[in-house]
Protein backbone atom coordinates (compact mmCIF):
# COMPACT_ATOMS: atom_id res chain seq x y z
CA LEU A 1 9.49 -48.26 215.60
CA ALA A 2 12.11 -45.45 214.49
CA GLU A 3 13.30 -43.55 217.39
CA ALA A 4 11.17 -40.43 216.34
CA GLU A 5 8.25 -42.57 216.23
CA ARG A 6 8.79 -43.90 219.73
CA ILE A 7 9.22 -40.20 221.02
CA GLU A 8 6.09 -39.05 219.36
CA ALA A 9 3.87 -42.04 220.55
CA ILE A 10 5.34 -41.57 224.27
CA ASN A 11 4.87 -37.99 224.34
CA ARG A 12 1.28 -38.42 222.80
CA PHE A 13 0.50 -41.04 225.49
CA VAL A 14 1.57 -39.28 228.28
CA ASN A 15 -0.19 -36.12 227.34
CA ALA A 16 -3.49 -37.95 226.80
CA ARG A 17 -3.54 -39.40 230.34
CA ILE A 18 -2.29 -37.10 232.45
CA ALA A 19 -4.45 -33.86 233.25
CA PHE A 20 -2.74 -30.93 234.49
CA LYS A 21 -3.27 -30.27 238.22
CA ASP A 22 -0.94 -28.20 240.26
CA ASP A 23 0.67 -29.94 243.34
CA SER A 24 -0.69 -27.80 245.91
CA LEU A 25 -4.45 -28.36 244.83
CA GLN A 26 -3.56 -32.23 244.46
CA PHE A 27 -1.51 -32.85 247.52
CA GLY A 28 -1.82 -29.77 249.54
CA ARG A 29 1.74 -28.78 248.99
CA ALA A 30 4.33 -27.77 246.66
CA ASP A 31 6.58 -29.44 244.51
CA VAL A 32 5.88 -33.25 244.95
CA TRP A 33 7.60 -35.29 242.26
CA GLN A 34 5.59 -38.70 241.60
CA PRO A 35 6.93 -41.57 239.73
CA ALA A 36 5.57 -42.40 236.22
CA ALA A 37 3.20 -45.04 237.63
CA ASP A 38 1.77 -42.65 240.21
CA ALA A 39 0.94 -39.71 237.80
CA LEU A 40 -0.31 -42.24 235.12
CA ARG A 41 -2.54 -44.24 237.79
CA ARG A 42 -3.94 -41.00 238.99
CA GLY A 43 -4.32 -39.42 235.54
CA ARG A 44 -3.09 -36.13 236.92
CA GLY A 45 -0.07 -34.10 237.52
CA ASP A 46 1.94 -31.10 237.02
CA CYS A 47 4.90 -30.10 234.46
CA GLU A 48 7.54 -32.22 236.32
CA ASP A 49 5.32 -35.16 236.53
CA TYR A 50 4.47 -35.03 232.59
CA ALA A 51 8.40 -34.90 232.27
CA ILE A 52 9.12 -37.78 234.57
CA ALA A 53 6.87 -39.98 233.17
CA LYS A 54 8.33 -39.27 229.29
CA LEU A 55 11.53 -39.84 231.08
CA GLN A 56 11.00 -43.20 232.43
CA LEU A 57 8.67 -44.54 229.33
CA LEU A 58 11.60 -43.31 227.20
CA ARG A 59 14.21 -45.04 229.20
CA ALA A 60 12.03 -48.32 229.15
CA ALA A 61 11.86 -48.01 225.23
CA GLY A 62 15.49 -48.31 225.17
CA PHE A 63 16.71 -44.59 225.23
CA SER A 64 20.14 -43.97 226.57
CA GLU A 65 20.10 -42.31 230.04
CA ARG A 66 22.77 -39.90 228.53
CA ASP A 67 20.22 -38.59 225.71
CA LEU A 68 17.55 -38.08 228.25
CA PHE A 69 17.44 -34.49 230.21
CA LEU A 70 15.30 -33.03 232.55
CA VAL A 71 15.18 -29.58 232.01
CA ILE A 72 13.78 -26.77 234.83
CA VAL A 73 13.00 -23.41 232.71
CA ARG A 74 11.82 -20.18 233.98
CA ASP A 75 8.63 -18.78 232.72
CA LEU A 76 9.47 -14.85 232.42
CA ILE A 77 5.79 -14.09 231.61
CA ARG A 78 4.08 -16.09 234.28
CA ARG A 79 7.22 -15.62 236.68
CA SER A 80 7.30 -19.63 237.67
CA ASP A 81 9.58 -22.37 236.94
CA HIS A 82 8.23 -24.97 234.33
CA ALA A 83 9.95 -28.74 233.88
CA VAL A 84 10.31 -30.17 230.56
CA LEU A 85 11.84 -33.37 228.98
CA ALA A 86 14.58 -32.73 226.26
CA VAL A 87 15.67 -35.79 224.00
CA GLU A 88 18.72 -36.14 221.94
CA SER A 89 17.84 -38.33 218.98
CA GLU A 90 19.78 -38.71 215.85
CA GLY A 91 21.18 -35.38 215.73
CA ARG A 92 18.15 -33.86 217.06
CA LEU A 93 17.05 -32.24 220.10
CA TRP A 94 13.40 -32.80 220.97
CA VAL A 95 11.75 -30.97 223.74
CA LEU A 96 8.50 -32.61 224.94
């Protein structure tokens, strides 16, 4: 598959298989960063778990480490931090 197709497929795959669940509800504490295998096996995780799963799967699909960026952003409306994965591919920056 072309890079764009691999990005879209992995993004859809992770989004369909992980249901959002806050770490404090799932683990009884804030900010637990799970490996992709754990989040996918459990079928739940929070924003950084989505981003980490996408990062690890894209890495396994042949994307270079230098093109993958785990980004922490601040949601000014909810006043909370949020993690996303950014991928540079063919001159485009994808935010997943």
